[in-house]
Amino acid sequence: MENADGAMNFEVGNTIDFGKSKWGPYQWIILKVENDKTLIITKEIVKCRPYDSSPVDAEGRIAKKFSTTWEHCTLRNYLNLHFYNNTFTPEEQSKILSVVLKNEDNPSYKTPGGNDSTDKIFILSASEAKAYFKNDASRKNTWRSKEQNWWLRTPGATGEYAATVSKAGKVGTRGGYAFMGLTGIRPALWLSL
């Protein structure tokens, strides 16, 4: 959203264009404005993919017991390499801030969240999804015109799960199986103003 003079209007709740896909610019919702930076999240799910790739044992078979955290998941790698490099121009990349993320434990099941991480692109935690979206209706989202769950970086009930926002917009701390590919991604980032 722009002012009459063409400048971006950085107010919580407004939508801005930033980066682009093959279908056009991505739209982002402003979640927070803090001094000279703003936290934004994509208005819609940009892709569906697993939180982490299926783990394999030494013989190449799917491992029977595994655990994942945001620090080590393949979604983090995808967002900070592929998505970052293929979505933003060098000028846009220079405006994206590296931030230290607190990777909280699961509030209901106490599953460890792992170490804090430093990222440019990330997904919200369960507590952030509750803080920035005031109700279930505001968290609902779609993928290809259908309501869709989306990932949160908080672990789920065990290390095999990651928290999600359901199709109905509820924050689910039990979560979804981290190695299933039909869960949406809503990237978030801190943008320098």
N, C-alpha and C. Protein backbone atom coordinates (compact mmCIF):
# COMPACT_ATOMS: atom_id res chain seq x y z
N MET A 1 0.84 -1.17 0.00
CA MET A 1 0.00 0.00 0.00
C MET A 1 0.90 1.24 0.00
N GLU A 2 0.61 2.19 -0.87
CA GLU A 2 1.45 3.38 -1.00
C GLU A 2 0.71 4.63 -0.57
N ASN A 3 1.47 5.63 -0.09
CA ASN A 3 0.92 6.95 0.20
C ASN A 3 0.69 7.68 -1.12
N ALA A 4 0.11 8.88 -1.04
CA ALA A 4 -0.15 9.69 -2.24
C ALA A 4 1.15 10.03 -2.97
N ASP A 5 2.27 10.14 -2.23
CA ASP A 5 3.55 10.47 -2.88
C ASP A 5 4.27 9.24 -3.44
N GLY A 6 3.63 8.05 -3.37
CA GLY A 6 4.22 6.84 -3.93
C GLY A 6 5.06 6.04 -2.96
N ALA A 7 5.27 6.55 -1.75
CA ALA A 7 6.07 5.83 -0.75
C ALA A 7 5.24 4.72 -0.11
N MET A 8 5.91 3.66 0.31
CA MET A 8 5.23 2.56 0.98
C MET A 8 4.67 3.02 2.32
N ASN A 9 3.52 2.53 2.66
CA ASN A 9 2.87 2.86 3.92
C ASN A 9 3.05 1.68 4.88
N PHE A 10 4.04 1.76 5.74
CA PHE A 10 4.38 0.66 6.63
C PHE A 10 3.59 0.76 7.94
N GLU A 11 2.36 0.29 7.91
CA GLU A 11 1.51 0.21 9.09
C GLU A 11 1.05 -1.22 9.25
N VAL A 12 0.95 -1.66 10.50
CA VAL A 12 0.52 -3.03 10.78
C VAL A 12 -0.82 -3.29 10.09
N GLY A 13 -0.89 -4.43 9.41
CA GLY A 13 -2.10 -4.83 8.70
C GLY A 13 -2.10 -4.48 7.23
N ASN A 14 -1.26 -3.51 6.82
CA ASN A 14 -1.17 -3.16 5.40
C ASN A 14 -0.47 -4.27 4.63
N THR A 15 -0.63 -4.27 3.33
CA THR A 15 -0.01 -5.24 2.44
C THR A 15 0.96 -4.52 1.52
N ILE A 16 2.14 -5.13 1.32
CA ILE A 16 3.13 -4.57 0.40
C ILE A 16 3.56 -5.64 -0.60
N ASP A 17 4.04 -5.22 -1.75
CA ASP A 17 4.65 -6.11 -2.73
C ASP A 17 6.15 -6.14 -2.48
N PHE A 18 6.72 -7.36 -2.48
CA PHE A 18 8.17 -7.49 -2.26
C PHE A 18 8.61 -8.84 -2.81
N GLY A 19 9.62 -8.85 -3.68
CA GLY A 19 10.05 -10.10 -4.32
C GLY A 19 9.01 -10.54 -5.34
N LYS A 20 9.38 -11.58 -6.12
CA LYS A 20 8.39 -12.04 -7.11
C LYS A 20 8.57 -13.50 -7.44
N SER A 21 7.46 -14.08 -7.84
CA SER A 21 7.42 -15.46 -8.33
C SER A 21 7.21 -15.39 -9.84
N LYS A 22 7.08 -16.53 -10.48
CA LYS A 22 6.84 -16.52 -11.93
C LYS A 22 5.44 -15.99 -12.27
N TRP A 23 4.57 -15.86 -11.25
CA TRP A 23 3.21 -15.35 -11.46
C TRP A 23 3.09 -13.88 -11.12
N GLY A 24 4.16 -13.26 -10.65
CA GLY A 24 4.10 -11.84 -10.31
C GLY A 24 4.63 -11.60 -8.90
N PRO A 25 4.49 -10.36 -8.40
CA PRO A 25 5.05 -10.02 -7.09
C PRO A 25 4.34 -10.76 -5.96
N TYR A 26 5.12 -11.09 -4.93
CA TYR A 26 4.54 -11.63 -3.71
C TYR A 26 3.94 -10.48 -2.91
N GLN A 27 2.81 -10.75 -2.28
CA GLN A 27 2.21 -9.79 -1.37
C GLN A 27 2.50 -10.23 0.06
N TRP A 28 2.84 -9.26 0.91
CA TRP A 28 3.22 -9.51 2.30
C TRP A 28 2.37 -8.66 3.22
N ILE A 29 1.99 -9.23 4.35
CA ILE A 29 1.24 -8.51 5.38
C ILE A 29 2.24 -7.99 6.41
N ILE A 30 2.10 -6.74 6.79
CA ILE A 30 2.95 -6.15 7.83
C ILE A 30 2.42 -6.58 9.20
N LEU A 31 3.26 -7.31 9.94
CA LEU A 31 2.87 -7.82 11.25
C LEU A 31 3.32 -6.91 12.40
N LYS A 32 4.47 -6.24 12.22
CA LYS A 32 5.02 -5.42 13.29
C LYS A 32 5.96 -4.39 12.68
N VAL A 33 5.94 -3.18 13.22
CA VAL A 33 6.88 -2.13 12.82
C VAL A 33 7.63 -1.73 14.07
N GLU A 34 8.96 -1.76 13.97
CA GLU A 34 9.81 -1.51 15.13
C GLU A 34 10.99 -0.63 14.70
N ASN A 35 10.94 0.66 15.07
CA ASN A 35 11.99 1.61 14.71
C ASN A 35 12.23 1.63 13.21
N ASP A 36 13.35 1.09 12.75
CA ASP A 36 13.71 1.15 11.33
C ASP A 36 13.56 -0.19 10.63
N LYS A 37 12.69 -1.07 11.14
CA LYS A 37 12.48 -2.37 10.50
C LYS A 37 11.03 -2.81 10.69
N THR A 38 10.62 -3.75 9.85
CA THR A 38 9.26 -4.27 9.92
C THR A 38 9.26 -5.78 9.68
N LEU A 39 8.40 -6.47 10.40
CA LEU A 39 8.23 -7.91 10.22
C LEU A 39 7.07 -8.13 9.26
N ILE A 40 7.33 -8.92 8.21
CA ILE A 40 6.30 -9.20 7.21
C ILE A 40 6.18 -10.70 6.98
N ILE A 41 4.99 -11.13 6.55
CA ILE A 41 4.72 -12.53 6.22
C ILE A 41 3.93 -12.56 4.91
N THR A 42 4.14 -13.58 4.11
CA THR A 42 3.40 -13.65 2.85
C THR A 42 1.90 -13.72 3.13
N LYS A 43 1.16 -13.02 2.31
CA LYS A 43 -0.29 -12.98 2.47
C LYS A 43 -0.90 -14.36 2.26
N GLU A 44 -0.32 -15.12 1.35
CA GLU A 44 -0.82 -16.45 1.06
C GLU A 44 0.32 -17.47 1.12
N ILE A 45 -0.05 -18.71 1.22
CA ILE A 45 0.92 -19.81 1.17
C ILE A 45 1.63 -19.75 -0.18
N VAL A 46 2.95 -19.89 -0.18
CA VAL A 46 3.71 -19.80 -1.42
C VAL A 46 4.02 -21.17 -2.02
N LYS A 47 3.97 -22.20 -1.20
CA LYS A 47 4.32 -23.55 -1.66
C LYS A 47 3.93 -24.54 -0.58
N CYS A 48 3.73 -25.79 -0.97
CA CYS A 48 3.54 -26.87 0.00
C CYS A 48 4.72 -27.82 -0.12
N ARG A 49 5.31 -28.13 1.03
CA ARG A 49 6.45 -29.05 1.04
C ARG A 49 6.66 -29.56 2.46
N PRO A 50 7.48 -30.59 2.63
CA PRO A 50 7.73 -31.10 3.98
C PRO A 50 8.51 -30.10 4.83
N TYR A 51 8.35 -30.22 6.12
CA TYR A 51 9.16 -29.46 7.08
C TYR A 51 10.60 -29.96 7.02
N ASP A 52 10.73 -31.25 6.85
CA ASP A 52 12.05 -31.88 6.75
C ASP A 52 11.95 -33.03 5.75
N SER A 53 13.04 -33.36 5.09
CA SER A 53 13.06 -34.49 4.16
C SER A 53 13.08 -35.79 4.95
N SER A 54 12.58 -36.85 4.35
CA SER A 54 12.56 -38.14 5.03
C SER A 54 13.96 -38.59 5.39
N PRO A 55 14.19 -38.89 6.66
CA PRO A 55 15.51 -39.35 7.08
C PRO A 55 15.74 -40.79 6.63
N VAL A 56 16.96 -41.08 6.26
CA VAL A 56 17.30 -42.45 5.86
C VAL A 56 18.44 -42.96 6.72
N ASP A 57 18.47 -44.28 6.87
CA ASP A 57 19.56 -44.88 7.65
C ASP A 57 20.75 -45.14 6.73
N ALA A 58 21.78 -45.79 7.23
CA ALA A 58 23.01 -46.03 6.47
C ALA A 58 22.77 -46.86 5.22
N GLU A 59 21.71 -47.69 5.23
CA GLU A 59 21.40 -48.52 4.06
C GLU A 59 20.43 -47.85 3.09
N GLY A 60 20.06 -46.60 3.36
CA GLY A 60 19.16 -45.89 2.46
C GLY A 60 17.69 -46.15 2.72
N ARG A 61 17.37 -46.85 3.81
CA ARG A 61 15.97 -47.10 4.16
C ARG A 61 15.47 -45.96 5.04
N ILE A 62 14.16 -45.71 4.98
CA ILE A 62 13.58 -44.67 5.85
C ILE A 62 13.82 -45.07 7.30
N ALA A 63 14.39 -44.16 8.05
CA ALA A 63 14.69 -44.44 9.46
C ALA A 63 13.40 -44.59 10.26
N LYS A 64 13.41 -45.51 11.21
CA LYS A 64 12.21 -45.75 12.02
C LYS A 64 12.07 -44.73 13.14
N LYS A 65 13.15 -44.20 13.63
CA LYS A 65 13.11 -43.25 14.74
C LYS A 65 13.93 -42.03 14.35
N PHE A 66 13.34 -40.87 14.44
CA PHE A 66 14.05 -39.66 14.07
C PHE A 66 13.45 -38.48 14.81
N SER A 67 14.14 -37.37 14.77
CA SER A 67 13.68 -36.15 15.41
C SER A 67 14.22 -34.97 14.61
N THR A 68 13.48 -33.87 14.59
CA THR A 68 13.94 -32.70 13.85
C THR A 68 13.63 -31.44 14.64
N THR A 69 14.38 -30.39 14.36
CA THR A 69 14.12 -29.06 14.91
C THR A 69 14.28 -28.05 13.78
N TRP A 70 13.84 -26.82 14.01
CA TRP A 70 13.99 -25.79 12.99
C TRP A 70 15.45 -25.63 12.57
N GLU A 71 16.37 -25.67 13.52
CA GLU A 71 17.79 -25.48 13.22
C GLU A 71 18.28 -26.46 12.16
N HIS A 72 17.79 -27.69 12.17
CA HIS A 72 18.32 -28.73 11.29
C HIS A 72 17.38 -29.15 10.15
N CYS A 73 16.19 -28.56 10.06
CA CYS A 73 15.23 -29.04 9.05
C CYS A 73 15.58 -28.52 7.65
N THR A 74 15.13 -29.26 6.65
CA THR A 74 15.42 -28.88 5.26
C THR A 74 14.58 -27.69 4.81
N LEU A 75 13.45 -27.42 5.46
CA LEU A 75 12.66 -26.24 5.10
C LEU A 75 13.44 -24.96 5.37
N ARG A 76 14.16 -24.93 6.48
CA ARG A 76 15.00 -23.76 6.80
C ARG A 76 16.04 -23.54 5.69
N ASN A 77 16.68 -24.61 5.27
CA ASN A 77 17.67 -24.53 4.20
C ASN A 77 17.03 -24.04 2.91
N TYR A 78 15.87 -24.59 2.55
CA TYR A 78 15.16 -24.19 1.34
C TYR A 78 14.85 -22.68 1.35
N LEU A 79 14.31 -22.19 2.48
CA LEU A 79 13.92 -20.77 2.54
C LEU A 79 15.12 -19.84 2.46
N ASN A 80 16.20 -20.17 3.14
CA ASN A 80 17.35 -19.27 3.21
C ASN A 80 18.30 -19.39 2.03
N LEU A 81 18.11 -20.39 1.20
CA LEU A 81 18.93 -20.51 -0.02
C LEU A 81 18.05 -20.37 -1.26
N HIS A 82 17.27 -21.38 -1.58
CA HIS A 82 16.49 -21.39 -2.82
C HIS A 82 15.48 -20.23 -2.88
N PHE A 83 14.62 -20.14 -1.87
CA PHE A 83 13.59 -19.09 -1.89
C PHE A 83 14.24 -17.70 -1.90
N TYR A 84 15.20 -17.48 -1.04
CA TYR A 84 15.89 -16.20 -0.93
C TYR A 84 16.55 -15.81 -2.26
N ASN A 85 17.29 -16.73 -2.86
CA ASN A 85 18.04 -16.43 -4.08
C ASN A 85 17.16 -16.30 -5.32
N ASN A 86 16.01 -16.99 -5.34
CA ASN A 86 15.16 -16.99 -6.52
C ASN A 86 13.98 -16.04 -6.44
N THR A 87 13.78 -15.39 -5.31
CA THR A 87 12.63 -14.52 -5.12
C THR A 87 13.00 -13.05 -5.12
N PHE A 88 14.19 -12.72 -4.62
CA PHE A 88 14.55 -11.33 -4.38
C PHE A 88 15.72 -10.88 -5.24
N THR A 89 15.65 -9.65 -5.74
CA THR A 89 16.76 -9.05 -6.47
C THR A 89 17.89 -8.75 -5.47
N PRO A 90 19.13 -8.51 -5.95
CA PRO A 90 20.20 -8.12 -5.04
C PRO A 90 19.84 -6.89 -4.20
N GLU A 91 19.15 -5.92 -4.79
CA GLU A 91 18.74 -4.73 -4.03
C GLU A 91 17.76 -5.11 -2.92
N GLU A 92 16.79 -5.99 -3.24
CA GLU A 92 15.84 -6.44 -2.21
C GLU A 92 16.55 -7.25 -1.13
N GLN A 93 17.47 -8.11 -1.54
CA GLN A 93 18.22 -8.91 -0.57
C GLN A 93 18.96 -8.03 0.43
N SER A 94 19.45 -6.89 -0.03
CA SER A 94 20.21 -5.99 0.87
C SER A 94 19.31 -5.39 1.96
N LYS A 95 18.00 -5.45 1.78
CA LYS A 95 17.05 -4.90 2.76
C LYS A 95 16.55 -5.96 3.74
N ILE A 96 16.87 -7.23 3.50
CA ILE A 96 16.41 -8.32 4.37
C ILE A 96 17.44 -8.50 5.49
N LEU A 97 16.98 -8.43 6.73
CA LEU A 97 17.87 -8.50 7.88
C LEU A 97 18.07 -9.94 8.36
N SER A 98 19.28 -10.25 8.80
CA SER A 98 19.54 -11.51 9.50
C SER A 98 19.12 -11.30 10.95
N VAL A 99 18.34 -12.22 11.48
CA VAL A 99 17.86 -12.09 12.86
C VAL A 99 18.09 -13.39 13.62
N VAL A 100 18.29 -13.26 14.92
CA VAL A 100 18.42 -14.43 15.78
C VAL A 100 17.01 -14.82 16.23
N LEU A 101 16.64 -16.07 15.96
CA LEU A 101 15.32 -16.56 16.32
C LEU A 101 15.40 -17.42 17.56
N LYS A 102 14.49 -17.20 18.48
CA LYS A 102 14.32 -18.05 19.65
C LYS A 102 13.47 -19.23 19.22
N ASN A 103 14.02 -20.42 19.28
CA ASN A 103 13.28 -21.62 18.87
C ASN A 103 12.73 -22.29 20.12
N GLU A 104 11.53 -21.86 20.46
CA GLU A 104 10.88 -22.25 21.71
C GLU A 104 10.51 -23.73 21.76
N ASP A 105 10.46 -24.27 22.98
CA ASP A 105 9.96 -25.62 23.19
C ASP A 105 8.45 -25.63 22.94
N ASN A 106 7.91 -26.79 22.65
CA ASN A 106 6.47 -26.91 22.47
C ASN A 106 5.78 -26.58 23.79
N PRO A 107 4.81 -25.64 23.79
CA PRO A 107 4.19 -25.21 25.04
C PRO A 107 3.29 -26.27 25.69
N SER A 108 2.76 -27.19 24.91
CA SER A 108 1.86 -28.22 25.45
C SER A 108 2.57 -29.52 25.78
N TYR A 109 3.50 -29.95 24.92
CA TYR A 109 4.13 -31.25 25.04
C TYR A 109 5.58 -31.17 25.54
N LYS A 110 6.11 -29.95 25.65
CA LYS A 110 7.48 -29.72 26.14
C LYS A 110 8.56 -30.31 25.23
N THR A 111 8.24 -30.61 23.98
CA THR A 111 9.23 -31.09 23.02
C THR A 111 10.28 -30.00 22.82
N PRO A 112 11.57 -30.33 22.94
CA PRO A 112 12.61 -29.31 22.81
C PRO A 112 12.62 -28.63 21.44
N GLY A 113 12.74 -27.30 21.47
CA GLY A 113 12.76 -26.53 20.23
C GLY A 113 14.13 -26.43 19.60
N GLY A 114 15.16 -26.86 20.32
CA GLY A 114 16.51 -26.82 19.78
C GLY A 114 17.17 -25.48 20.01
N ASN A 115 18.32 -25.32 19.39
CA ASN A 115 19.11 -24.10 19.55
C ASN A 115 18.47 -22.92 18.84
N ASP A 116 18.78 -21.72 19.30
CA ASP A 116 18.39 -20.53 18.56
C ASP A 116 19.12 -20.55 17.22
N SER A 117 18.58 -19.86 16.24
CA SER A 117 19.19 -19.86 14.90
C SER A 117 19.22 -18.44 14.36
N THR A 118 20.08 -18.21 13.39
CA THR A 118 20.16 -16.92 12.71
C THR A 118 19.68 -17.13 11.28
N ASP A 119 18.64 -16.39 10.90
CA ASP A 119 18.02 -16.58 9.59
C ASP A 119 17.63 -15.25 8.96
N LYS A 120 17.54 -15.26 7.65
CA LYS A 120 16.97 -14.15 6.91
C LYS A 120 15.49 -14.43 6.64
N ILE A 121 15.20 -15.66 6.21
CA ILE A 121 13.82 -16.07 5.92
C ILE A 121 13.47 -17.18 6.89
N PHE A 122 12.26 -17.15 7.43
CA PHE A 122 11.86 -18.13 8.43
C PHE A 122 10.35 -18.29 8.41
N ILE A 123 9.83 -19.15 9.27
CA ILE A 123 8.39 -19.26 9.47
C ILE A 123 8.13 -18.90 10.94
N LEU A 124 6.91 -18.50 11.22
CA LEU A 124 6.56 -18.07 12.57
C LEU A 124 6.58 -19.24 13.55
N SER A 125 6.78 -18.93 14.82
CA SER A 125 6.62 -19.92 15.89
C SER A 125 5.14 -19.95 16.29
N ALA A 126 4.77 -20.91 17.12
CA ALA A 126 3.38 -21.01 17.59
C ALA A 126 2.98 -19.76 18.36
N SER A 127 3.86 -19.27 19.24
CA SER A 127 3.50 -18.08 20.03
C SER A 127 3.41 -16.84 19.14
N GLU A 128 4.24 -16.74 18.11
CA GLU A 128 4.17 -15.61 17.19
C GLU A 128 2.87 -15.65 16.37
N ALA A 129 2.47 -16.84 15.93
CA ALA A 129 1.23 -16.96 15.16
C ALA A 129 0.04 -16.52 16.00
N LYS A 130 0.07 -16.81 17.29
CA LYS A 130 -1.01 -16.37 18.18
C LYS A 130 -0.94 -14.87 18.46
N ALA A 131 0.27 -14.34 18.58
CA ALA A 131 0.43 -12.92 18.91
C ALA A 131 0.10 -12.01 17.73
N TYR A 132 0.53 -12.38 16.53
CA TYR A 132 0.37 -11.50 15.38
C TYR A 132 -0.96 -11.66 14.67
N PHE A 133 -1.60 -12.81 14.83
CA PHE A 133 -2.92 -13.04 14.26
C PHE A 133 -3.87 -13.23 15.44
N LYS A 134 -4.79 -12.32 15.63
CA LYS A 134 -5.58 -12.26 16.86
C LYS A 134 -6.65 -13.33 16.99
N ASN A 135 -7.02 -13.99 15.91
CA ASN A 135 -8.06 -15.03 16.00
C ASN A 135 -7.87 -16.05 14.89
N ASP A 136 -8.63 -17.14 14.99
CA ASP A 136 -8.51 -18.22 14.01
C ASP A 136 -8.81 -17.74 12.59
N ALA A 137 -9.83 -16.91 12.44
CA ALA A 137 -10.21 -16.45 11.10
C ALA A 137 -9.07 -15.71 10.42
N SER A 138 -8.29 -14.95 11.17
CA SER A 138 -7.19 -14.18 10.57
C SER A 138 -6.00 -15.06 10.21
N ARG A 139 -5.93 -16.28 10.78
CA ARG A 139 -4.83 -17.21 10.46
C ARG A 139 -5.16 -18.14 9.30
N LYS A 140 -6.44 -18.25 8.94
CA LYS A 140 -6.82 -19.16 7.84
C LYS A 140 -6.11 -18.74 6.56
N ASN A 141 -5.71 -19.73 5.76
CA ASN A 141 -5.00 -19.42 4.53
C ASN A 141 -5.31 -20.45 3.46
N THR A 142 -4.95 -20.11 2.23
CA THR A 142 -5.26 -20.98 1.09
C THR A 142 -4.03 -21.30 0.27
N TRP A 143 -4.13 -22.41 -0.44
CA TRP A 143 -3.14 -22.80 -1.44
C TRP A 143 -3.93 -23.24 -2.65
N ARG A 144 -3.74 -22.54 -3.76
CA ARG A 144 -4.46 -22.83 -4.99
C ARG A 144 -5.97 -22.85 -4.76
N SER A 145 -6.44 -21.82 -4.08
CA SER A 145 -7.87 -21.58 -3.80
C SER A 145 -8.52 -22.58 -2.85
N LYS A 146 -7.74 -23.40 -2.17
CA LYS A 146 -8.29 -24.34 -1.18
C LYS A 146 -7.67 -24.03 0.17
N GLU A 147 -8.48 -24.12 1.23
CA GLU A 147 -7.94 -23.92 2.57
C GLU A 147 -6.86 -24.95 2.83
N GLN A 148 -5.78 -24.51 3.51
CA GLN A 148 -4.61 -25.37 3.68
C GLN A 148 -3.95 -25.11 5.03
N ASN A 149 -3.45 -26.17 5.67
CA ASN A 149 -2.62 -26.04 6.87
C ASN A 149 -1.31 -25.35 6.48
N TRP A 150 -0.65 -24.69 7.44
CA TRP A 150 0.69 -24.14 7.19
C TRP A 150 1.58 -24.37 8.40
N TRP A 151 2.88 -24.56 8.11
CA TRP A 151 3.87 -24.91 9.11
C TRP A 151 4.20 -23.76 10.05
N LEU A 152 4.55 -24.12 11.28
CA LEU A 152 5.17 -23.22 12.26
C LEU A 152 6.50 -23.84 12.64
N ARG A 153 7.45 -23.05 13.12
CA ARG A 153 8.77 -23.62 13.40
C ARG A 153 8.86 -24.29 14.77
N THR A 154 7.85 -24.16 15.60
CA THR A 154 7.80 -24.81 16.90
C THR A 154 7.64 -26.32 16.70
N PRO A 155 8.37 -27.15 17.48
CA PRO A 155 8.18 -28.60 17.33
C PRO A 155 6.77 -29.02 17.74
N GLY A 156 6.37 -30.20 17.27
CA GLY A 156 5.06 -30.72 17.62
C GLY A 156 5.12 -31.58 18.87
N ALA A 157 4.20 -32.56 18.96
CA ALA A 157 4.08 -33.40 20.15
C ALA A 157 5.33 -34.23 20.41
N THR A 158 6.04 -34.59 19.34
CA THR A 158 7.32 -35.29 19.45
C THR A 158 8.25 -34.67 18.41
N GLY A 159 9.48 -35.12 18.37
CA GLY A 159 10.44 -34.62 17.39
C GLY A 159 10.12 -35.00 15.96
N GLU A 160 9.16 -35.87 15.76
CA GLU A 160 8.75 -36.25 14.40
C GLU A 160 7.70 -35.30 13.83
N TYR A 161 7.23 -34.37 14.67
CA TYR A 161 6.15 -33.47 14.28
C TYR A 161 6.60 -32.02 14.39
N ALA A 162 5.94 -31.14 13.63
CA ALA A 162 6.14 -29.70 13.75
C ALA A 162 4.76 -29.07 13.89
N ALA A 163 4.66 -28.03 14.69
CA ALA A 163 3.39 -27.34 14.90
C ALA A 163 2.86 -26.77 13.58
N THR A 164 1.56 -26.62 13.51
CA THR A 164 0.92 -26.10 12.30
C THR A 164 -0.23 -25.17 12.66
N VAL A 165 -0.67 -24.42 11.67
CA VAL A 165 -1.95 -23.72 11.73
C VAL A 165 -2.88 -24.54 10.86
N SER A 166 -4.03 -24.91 11.40
CA SER A 166 -4.97 -25.78 10.69
C SER A 166 -5.74 -25.01 9.61
N LYS A 167 -6.45 -25.75 8.79
CA LYS A 167 -7.30 -25.14 7.76
C LYS A 167 -8.30 -24.18 8.39
N ALA A 168 -8.71 -24.47 9.63
CA ALA A 168 -9.67 -23.61 10.35
C ALA A 168 -9.00 -22.43 11.03
N GLY A 169 -7.65 -22.35 10.96
CA GLY A 169 -6.93 -21.24 11.55
C GLY A 169 -6.47 -21.46 12.98
N LYS A 170 -6.64 -22.66 13.50
CA LYS A 170 -6.21 -22.95 14.88
C LYS A 170 -4.72 -23.30 14.92
N VAL A 171 -4.02 -22.80 15.94
CA VAL A 171 -2.62 -23.16 16.15
C VAL A 171 -2.62 -24.54 16.78
N GLY A 172 -2.03 -25.51 16.09
CA GLY A 172 -1.99 -26.90 16.56
C GLY A 172 -0.64 -27.27 17.11
N THR A 173 -0.56 -27.40 18.44
CA THR A 173 0.74 -27.73 19.03
C THR A 173 1.07 -29.21 18.89
N ARG A 174 0.07 -30.07 18.64
CA ARG A 174 0.39 -31.47 18.35
C ARG A 174 1.16 -31.52 17.04
N GLY A 175 0.68 -30.77 16.06
CA GLY A 175 1.39 -30.59 14.81
C GLY A 175 1.14 -31.65 13.77
N GLY A 176 1.85 -31.49 12.67
CA GLY A 176 1.79 -32.42 11.55
C GLY A 176 3.09 -33.18 11.44
N TYR A 177 3.00 -34.35 10.84
CA TYR A 177 4.17 -35.19 10.62
C TYR A 177 5.16 -34.42 9.74
N ALA A 178 6.35 -34.19 10.24
CA ALA A 178 7.31 -33.28 9.60
C ALA A 178 7.74 -33.70 8.20
N PHE A 179 7.51 -34.95 7.84
CA PHE A 179 8.01 -35.45 6.57
C PHE A 179 6.92 -35.60 5.51
N MET A 180 5.75 -35.00 5.76
CA MET A 180 4.66 -35.00 4.79
C MET A 180 4.74 -33.72 3.97
N GLY A 181 4.46 -33.80 2.69
CA GLY A 181 4.64 -32.65 1.82
C GLY A 181 3.45 -31.77 1.56
N LEU A 182 2.31 -32.05 2.17
CA LEU A 182 1.11 -31.31 1.84
C LEU A 182 0.77 -30.21 2.85
N THR A 183 1.78 -29.62 3.43
CA THR A 183 1.58 -28.52 4.37
C THR A 183 2.21 -27.26 3.79
N GLY A 184 1.51 -26.14 3.96
CA GLY A 184 1.91 -24.90 3.33
C GLY A 184 3.03 -24.16 4.03
N ILE A 185 3.65 -23.27 3.29
CA ILE A 185 4.73 -22.42 3.80
C ILE A 185 4.33 -20.97 3.62
N ARG A 186 4.40 -20.21 4.69
CA ARG A 186 4.22 -18.76 4.64
C ARG A 186 5.51 -18.12 5.15
N PRO A 187 6.45 -17.81 4.27
CA PRO A 187 7.70 -17.22 4.70
C PRO A 187 7.48 -15.88 5.42
N ALA A 188 8.37 -15.60 6.35
CA ALA A 188 8.37 -14.32 7.07
C ALA A 188 9.80 -13.79 7.06
N LEU A 189 9.93 -12.48 7.23
CA LEU A 189 11.26 -11.86 7.27
C LEU A 189 11.16 -10.49 7.93
N TRP A 190 12.31 -10.00 8.40
CA TRP A 190 12.42 -8.64 8.90
C TRP A 190 13.05 -7.80 7.79
N LEU A 191 12.37 -6.71 7.45
CA LEU A 191 12.77 -5.84 6.35
C LEU A 191 13.26 -4.50 6.89
N SER A 192 14.42 -4.08 6.44
CA SER A 192 14.96 -2.77 6.83
C SER A 192 14.19 -1.67 6.11
N LEU A 193 13.80 -0.65 6.85
CA LEU A 193 13.03 0.46 6.25
C LEU A 193 13.94 1.59 5.80
